[in-house]
Amino acid sequence: MVKVRQRGEQIRQFILTNLEEHPNDVATLTAQMFGISRQAVSKHIQRLVEQKAIAAEGSTKSRI
């Protein structure tokens, strides 16, 4: 279980680190880097939004 949490933290840290340079395609970039689905990345992004670590603007396709 600890490894799962560590990997999740690594994924979220990667998102935070790369978000400024890739605001529109950070999900795709993260999915490729970690070998996970974009849906899984979306869950991590959603968690960061809930924690107020990042702010989301827009909805659906235009969301950044």
PDB file of N, CA and C in Angstrom:
ATOM      1  N   MET A   1       0.818  -1.194   0.000  1.00  0.00           N
ATOM      2  CA  MET A   1       0.000   0.000   0.000  1.00  0.00           C
ATOM      3  C   MET A   1       0.861   1.258   0.000  1.00  0.00           C
ATOM      4  N   VAL A   2       1.998   1.189   0.655  1.00  0.00           N
ATOM      5  CA  VAL A   2       2.884   2.349   0.714  1.00  0.00           C
ATOM      6  C   VAL A   2       3.400   2.699  -0.674  1.00  0.00           C
ATOM      7  N   LYS A   3       3.730   1.680  -1.470  1.00  0.00           N
ATOM      8  CA  LYS A   3       4.224   1.932  -2.830  1.00  0.00           C
ATOM      9  C   LYS A   3       3.163   2.601  -3.686  1.00  0.00           C
ATOM     10  N   VAL A   4       1.909   2.218  -3.487  1.00  0.00           N
ATOM     11  CA  VAL A   4       0.812   2.811  -4.249  1.00  0.00           C
ATOM     12  C   VAL A   4       0.711   4.297  -3.916  1.00  0.00           C
ATOM     13  N   ARG A   5       0.793   4.634  -2.650  1.00  0.00           N
ATOM     14  CA  ARG A   5       0.721   6.041  -2.233  1.00  0.00           C
ATOM     15  C   ARG A   5       1.915   6.827  -2.747  1.00  0.00           C
ATOM     16  N   GLN A   6       3.094   6.213  -2.703  1.00  0.00           N
ATOM     17  CA  GLN A   6       4.290   6.889  -3.203  1.00  0.00           C
ATOM     18  C   GLN A   6       4.163   7.172  -4.693  1.00  0.00           C
ATOM     19  N   ARG A   7       3.648   6.201  -5.433  1.00  0.00           N
ATOM     20  CA  ARG A   7       3.474   6.403  -6.879  1.00  0.00           C
ATOM     21  C   ARG A   7       2.455   7.494  -7.141  1.00  0.00           C
ATOM     22  N   GLY A   8       1.381   7.515  -6.373  1.00  0.00           N
ATOM     23  CA  GLY A   8       0.376   8.564  -6.524  1.00  0.00           C
ATOM     24  C   GLY A   8       0.963   9.935  -6.245  1.00  0.00           C
ATOM     25  N   GLU A   9       1.793  10.027  -5.221  1.00  0.00           N
ATOM     26  CA  GLU A   9       2.459  11.292  -4.901  1.00  0.00           C
ATOM     27  C   GLU A   9       3.415  11.701  -6.022  1.00  0.00           C
ATOM     28  N   GLN A  10       4.119  10.721  -6.600  1.00  0.00           N
ATOM     29  CA  GLN A  10       5.017  11.010  -7.717  1.00  0.00           C
ATOM     30  C   GLN A  10       4.229  11.546  -8.908  1.00  0.00           C
ATOM     31  N   ILE A  11       3.086  10.940  -9.182  1.00  0.00           N
ATOM     32  CA  ILE A  11       2.251  11.372 -10.304  1.00  0.00           C
ATOM     33  C   ILE A  11       1.759  12.790 -10.058  1.00  0.00           C
ATOM     34  N   ARG A  12       1.248  13.058  -8.860  1.00  0.00           N
ATOM     35  CA  ARG A  12       0.747  14.402  -8.562  1.00  0.00           C
ATOM     36  C   ARG A  12       1.860  15.444  -8.571  1.00  0.00           C
ATOM     37  N   GLN A  13       3.042  15.078  -8.114  1.00  0.00           N
ATOM     38  CA  GLN A  13       4.179  16.008  -8.152  1.00  0.00           C
ATOM     39  C   GLN A  13       4.568  16.301  -9.596  1.00  0.00           C
ATOM     40  N   PHE A  14       4.552  15.273 -10.447  1.00  0.00           N
ATOM     41  CA  PHE A  14       4.850  15.455 -11.870  1.00  0.00           C
ATOM     42  C   PHE A  14       3.844  16.419 -12.494  1.00  0.00           C
ATOM     43  N   ILE A  15       2.568  16.258 -12.152  1.00  0.00           N
ATOM     44  CA  ILE A  15       1.526  17.142 -12.679  1.00  0.00           C
ATOM     45  C   ILE A  15       1.809  18.579 -12.252  1.00  0.00           C
ATOM     46  N   LEU A  16       2.086  18.790 -10.976  1.00  0.00           N
ATOM     47  CA  LEU A  16       2.356  20.133 -10.468  1.00  0.00           C
ATOM     48  C   LEU A  16       3.585  20.753 -11.132  1.00  0.00           C
ATOM     49  N   THR A  17       4.603  19.948 -11.340  1.00  0.00           N
ATOM     50  CA  THR A  17       5.842  20.435 -11.947  1.00  0.00           C
ATOM     51  C   THR A  17       5.649  20.834 -13.403  1.00  0.00           C
ATOM     52  N   ASN A  18       4.820  20.096 -14.134  1.00  0.00           N
ATOM     53  CA  ASN A  18       4.675  20.307 -15.579  1.00  0.00           C
ATOM     54  C   ASN A  18       3.437  21.089 -15.983  1.00  0.00           C
ATOM     55  N   LEU A  19       2.613  21.430 -15.047  1.00  0.00           N
ATOM     56  CA  LEU A  19       1.339  22.080 -15.362  1.00  0.00           C
ATOM     57  C   LEU A  19       1.514  23.442 -16.032  1.00  0.00           C
ATOM     58  N   GLU A  20       2.465  24.222 -15.582  1.00  0.00           N
ATOM     59  CA  GLU A  20       2.650  25.558 -16.135  1.00  0.00           C
ATOM     60  C   GLU A  20       3.069  25.515 -17.603  1.00  0.00           C
ATOM     61  N   GLU A  21       3.957  24.589 -17.952  1.00  0.00           N
ATOM     62  CA  GLU A  21       4.424  24.476 -19.332  1.00  0.00           C
ATOM     63  C   GLU A  21       3.424  23.775 -20.241  1.00  0.00           C
ATOM     64  N   HIS A  22       2.569  22.918 -19.677  1.00  0.00           N
ATOM     65  CA  HIS A  22       1.632  22.117 -20.472  1.00  0.00           C
ATOM     66  C   HIS A  22       0.212  22.204 -19.897  1.00  0.00           C
ATOM     67  N   PRO A  23      -0.384  23.385 -19.859  1.00  0.00           N
ATOM     68  CA  PRO A  23      -1.713  23.496 -19.230  1.00  0.00           C
ATOM     69  C   PRO A  23      -2.812  22.745 -19.974  1.00  0.00           C
ATOM     70  N   ASN A  24      -2.647  22.553 -21.279  1.00  0.00           N
ATOM     71  CA  ASN A  24      -3.704  21.912 -22.068  1.00  0.00           C
ATOM     72  C   ASN A  24      -3.484  20.419 -22.299  1.00  0.00           C
ATOM     73  N   ASP A  25      -2.272  19.932 -22.101  1.00  0.00           N
ATOM     74  CA  ASP A  25      -2.018  18.519 -22.390  1.00  0.00           C
ATOM     75  C   ASP A  25      -1.253  17.805 -21.274  1.00  0.00           C
ATOM     76  N   VAL A  26      -1.345  18.326 -20.051  1.00  0.00           N
ATOM     77  CA  VAL A  26      -0.626  17.692 -18.945  1.00  0.00           C
ATOM     78  C   VAL A  26      -1.151  16.279 -18.677  1.00  0.00           C
ATOM     79  N   ALA A  27      -2.427  16.034 -18.912  1.00  0.00           N
ATOM     80  CA  ALA A  27      -2.989  14.694 -18.690  1.00  0.00           C
ATOM     81  C   ALA A  27      -2.376  13.678 -19.658  1.00  0.00           C
ATOM     82  N   THR A  28      -2.277  14.049 -20.905  1.00  0.00           N
ATOM     83  CA  THR A  28      -1.684  13.154 -21.910  1.00  0.00           C
ATOM     84  C   THR A  28      -0.214  12.918 -21.607  1.00  0.00           C
ATOM     85  N   LEU A  29       0.499  13.974 -21.283  1.00  0.00           N
ATOM     86  CA  LEU A  29       1.918  13.874 -20.962  1.00  0.00           C
ATOM     87  C   LEU A  29       2.146  12.966 -19.753  1.00  0.00           C
ATOM     88  N   THR A  30       1.349  13.134 -18.716  1.00  0.00           N
ATOM     89  CA  THR A  30       1.472  12.328 -17.500  1.00  0.00           C
ATOM     90  C   THR A  30       1.125  10.868 -17.774  1.00  0.00           C
ATOM     91  N   ALA A  31       0.069  10.646 -18.548  1.00  0.00           N
ATOM     92  CA  ALA A  31      -0.333   9.277 -18.885  1.00  0.00           C
ATOM     93  C   ALA A  31       0.782   8.545 -19.620  1.00  0.00           C
ATOM     94  N   GLN A  32       1.427   9.224 -20.556  1.00  0.00           N
ATOM     95  CA  GLN A  32       2.522   8.608 -21.296  1.00  0.00           C
ATOM     96  C   GLN A  32       3.718   8.344 -20.395  1.00  0.00           C
ATOM     97  N   MET A  33       4.025   9.289 -19.532  1.00  0.00           N
ATOM     98  CA  MET A  33       5.195   9.172 -18.651  1.00  0.00           C
ATOM     99  C   MET A  33       5.070   8.011 -17.667  1.00  0.00           C
ATOM    100  N   PHE A  34       3.869   7.821 -17.117  1.00  0.00           N
ATOM    101  CA  PHE A  34       3.682   6.812 -16.081  1.00  0.00           C
ATOM    102  C   PHE A  34       2.995   5.539 -16.589  1.00  0.00           C
ATOM    103  N   GLY A  35       2.607   5.503 -17.851  1.00  0.00           N
ATOM    104  CA  GLY A  35       1.974   4.312 -18.401  1.00  0.00           C
ATOM    105  C   GLY A  35       0.598   4.042 -17.811  1.00  0.00           C
ATOM    106  N   ILE A  36      -0.159   5.114 -17.565  1.00  0.00           N
ATOM    107  CA  ILE A  36      -1.515   4.985 -17.025  1.00  0.00           C
ATOM    108  C   ILE A  36      -2.487   5.669 -17.983  1.00  0.00           C
ATOM    109  N   SER A  37      -3.774   5.473 -17.748  1.00  0.00           N
ATOM    110  CA  SER A  37      -4.779   6.064 -18.630  1.00  0.00           C
ATOM    111  C   SER A  37      -4.984   7.550 -18.309  1.00  0.00           C
ATOM    112  N   ARG A  38      -5.518   8.282 -19.269  1.00  0.00           N
ATOM    113  CA  ARG A  38      -5.834   9.694 -19.037  1.00  0.00           C
ATOM    114  C   ARG A  38      -6.900   9.824 -17.959  1.00  0.00           C
ATOM    115  N   GLN A  39      -7.793   8.840 -17.878  1.00  0.00           N
ATOM    116  CA  GLN A  39      -8.824   8.856 -16.845  1.00  0.00           C
ATOM    117  C   GLN A  39      -8.191   8.772 -15.460  1.00  0.00           C
ATOM    118  N   ALA A  40      -7.157   7.949 -15.322  1.00  0.00           N
ATOM    119  CA  ALA A  40      -6.454   7.844 -14.039  1.00  0.00           C
ATOM    120  C   ALA A  40      -5.777   9.166 -13.696  1.00  0.00           C
ATOM    121  N   VAL A  41      -5.185   9.808 -14.701  1.00  0.00           N
ATOM    122  CA  VAL A  41      -4.559  11.115 -14.483  1.00  0.00           C
ATOM    123  C   VAL A  41      -5.619  12.129 -14.068  1.00  0.00           C
ATOM    124  N   SER A  42      -6.783  12.056 -14.682  1.00  0.00           N
ATOM    125  CA  SER A  42      -7.868  12.979 -14.336  1.00  0.00           C
ATOM    126  C   SER A  42      -8.258  12.853 -12.870  1.00  0.00           C
ATOM    127  N   LYS A  43      -8.226  11.648 -12.342  1.00  0.00           N
ATOM    128  CA  LYS A  43      -8.514  11.445 -10.916  1.00  0.00           C
ATOM    129  C   LYS A  43      -7.471  12.150 -10.050  1.00  0.00           C
ATOM    130  N   HIS A  44      -6.216  12.061 -10.457  1.00  0.00           N
ATOM    131  CA  HIS A  44      -5.156  12.741  -9.713  1.00  0.00           C
ATOM    132  C   HIS A  44      -5.333  14.262  -9.787  1.00  0.00           C
ATOM    133  N   ILE A  45      -5.668  14.754 -10.960  1.00  0.00           N
ATOM    134  CA  ILE A  45      -5.898  16.195 -11.121  1.00  0.00           C
ATOM    135  C   ILE A  45      -7.086  16.632 -10.276  1.00  0.00           C
ATOM    136  N   GLN A  46      -8.141  15.840 -10.283  1.00  0.00           N
ATOM    137  CA  GLN A  46      -9.321  16.139  -9.483  1.00  0.00           C
ATOM    138  C   GLN A  46      -8.956  16.212  -7.996  1.00  0.00           C
ATOM    139  N   ARG A  47      -8.106  15.315  -7.554  1.00  0.00           N
ATOM    140  CA  ARG A  47      -7.672  15.318  -6.157  1.00  0.00           C
ATOM    141  C   ARG A  47      -6.890  16.591  -5.836  1.00  0.00           C
ATOM    142  N   LEU A  48      -6.031  17.017  -6.757  1.00  0.00           N
ATOM    143  CA  LEU A  48      -5.272  18.251  -6.559  1.00  0.00           C
ATOM    144  C   LEU A  48      -6.197  19.467  -6.495  1.00  0.00           C
ATOM    145  N   VAL A  49      -7.243  19.465  -7.299  1.00  0.00           N
ATOM    146  CA  VAL A  49      -8.224  20.561  -7.275  1.00  0.00           C
ATOM    147  C   VAL A  49      -8.954  20.562  -5.936  1.00  0.00           C
ATOM    148  N   GLU A  50      -9.366  19.397  -5.465  1.00  0.00           N
ATOM    149  CA  GLU A  50     -10.055  19.291  -4.172  1.00  0.00           C
ATOM    150  C   GLU A  50      -9.165  19.761  -3.022  1.00  0.00           C
ATOM    151  N   GLN A  51      -7.875  19.498  -3.124  1.00  0.00           N
ATOM    152  CA  GLN A  51      -6.922  19.922  -2.090  1.00  0.00           C
ATOM    153  C   GLN A  51      -6.533  21.390  -2.247  1.00  0.00           C
ATOM    154  N   LYS A  52      -7.068  22.018  -3.291  1.00  0.00           N
ATOM    155  CA  LYS A  52      -6.774  23.411  -3.619  1.00  0.00           C
ATOM    156  C   LYS A  52      -5.299  23.651  -3.924  1.00  0.00           C
ATOM    157  N   ALA A  53      -4.631  22.617  -4.410  1.00  0.00           N
ATOM    158  CA  ALA A  53      -3.242  22.738  -4.837  1.00  0.00           C
ATOM    159  C   ALA A  53      -3.167  23.390  -6.213  1.00  0.00           C
ATOM    160  N   ILE A  54      -4.236  23.204  -7.006  1.00  0.00           N
ATOM    161  CA  ILE A  54      -4.351  23.842  -8.315  1.00  0.00           C
ATOM    162  C   ILE A  54      -5.774  24.345  -8.486  1.00  0.00           C
ATOM    163  N   ALA A  55      -5.951  25.254  -9.414  1.00  0.00           N
ATOM    164  CA  ALA A  55      -7.280  25.781  -9.715  1.00  0.00           C
ATOM    165  C   ALA A  55      -7.635  25.391 -11.140  1.00  0.00           C
ATOM    166  N   ALA A  56      -8.873  25.000 -11.347  1.00  0.00           N
ATOM    167  CA  ALA A  56      -9.341  24.614 -12.676  1.00  0.00           C
ATOM    168  C   ALA A  56     -10.260  25.702 -13.212  1.00  0.00           C
ATOM    169  N   GLU A  57     -10.128  25.988 -14.494  1.00  0.00           N
ATOM    170  CA  GLU A  57     -10.971  26.966 -15.156  1.00  0.00           C
ATOM    171  C   GLU A  57     -11.642  26.319 -16.351  1.00  0.00           C
ATOM    172  N   GLY A  58     -12.869  26.712 -16.616  1.00  0.00           N
ATOM    173  CA  GLY A  58     -13.585  26.177 -17.773  1.00  0.00           C
ATOM    174  C   GLY A  58     -14.238  24.854 -17.455  1.00  0.00           C
ATOM    175  N   SER A  59     -14.804  24.261 -18.488  1.00  0.00           N
ATOM    176  CA  SER A  59     -15.443  22.968 -18.325  1.00  0.00           C
ATOM    177  C   SER A  59     -15.185  22.097 -19.535  1.00  0.00           C
ATOM    178  N   THR A  60     -15.299  20.839 -19.348  1.00  0.00           N
ATOM    179  CA  THR A  60     -15.091  19.789 -20.355  1.00  0.00           C
ATOM    180  C   THR A  60     -13.840  20.034 -21.187  1.00  0.00           C
ATOM    181  N   LYS A  61     -13.974  20.152 -22.491  1.00  0.00           N
ATOM    182  CA  LYS A  61     -12.818  20.242 -23.370  1.00  0.00           C
ATOM    183  C   LYS A  61     -11.996  21.528 -23.191  1.00  0.00           C
ATOM    184  N   SER A  62     -12.664  22.592 -22.802  1.00  0.00           N
ATOM    185  CA  SER A  62     -11.956  23.865 -22.668  1.00  0.00           C
ATOM    186  C   SER A  62     -11.366  24.068 -21.280  1.00  0.00           C
ATOM    187  N   ARG A  63     -11.400  23.043 -20.445  1.00  0.00           N
ATOM    188  CA  ARG A  63     -10.909  23.166 -19.073  1.00  0.00           C
ATOM    189  C   ARG A  63      -9.385  23.222 -19.051  1.00  0.00           C
ATOM    190  N   ILE A  64      -8.871  24.162 -18.285  1.00  0.00           N
ATOM    191  CA  ILE A  64      -7.419  24.273 -18.098  1.00  0.00           C
ATOM    192  C   ILE A  64      -7.132  24.446 -16.623  1.00  0.00           C
TER     193      ILE A  64
END
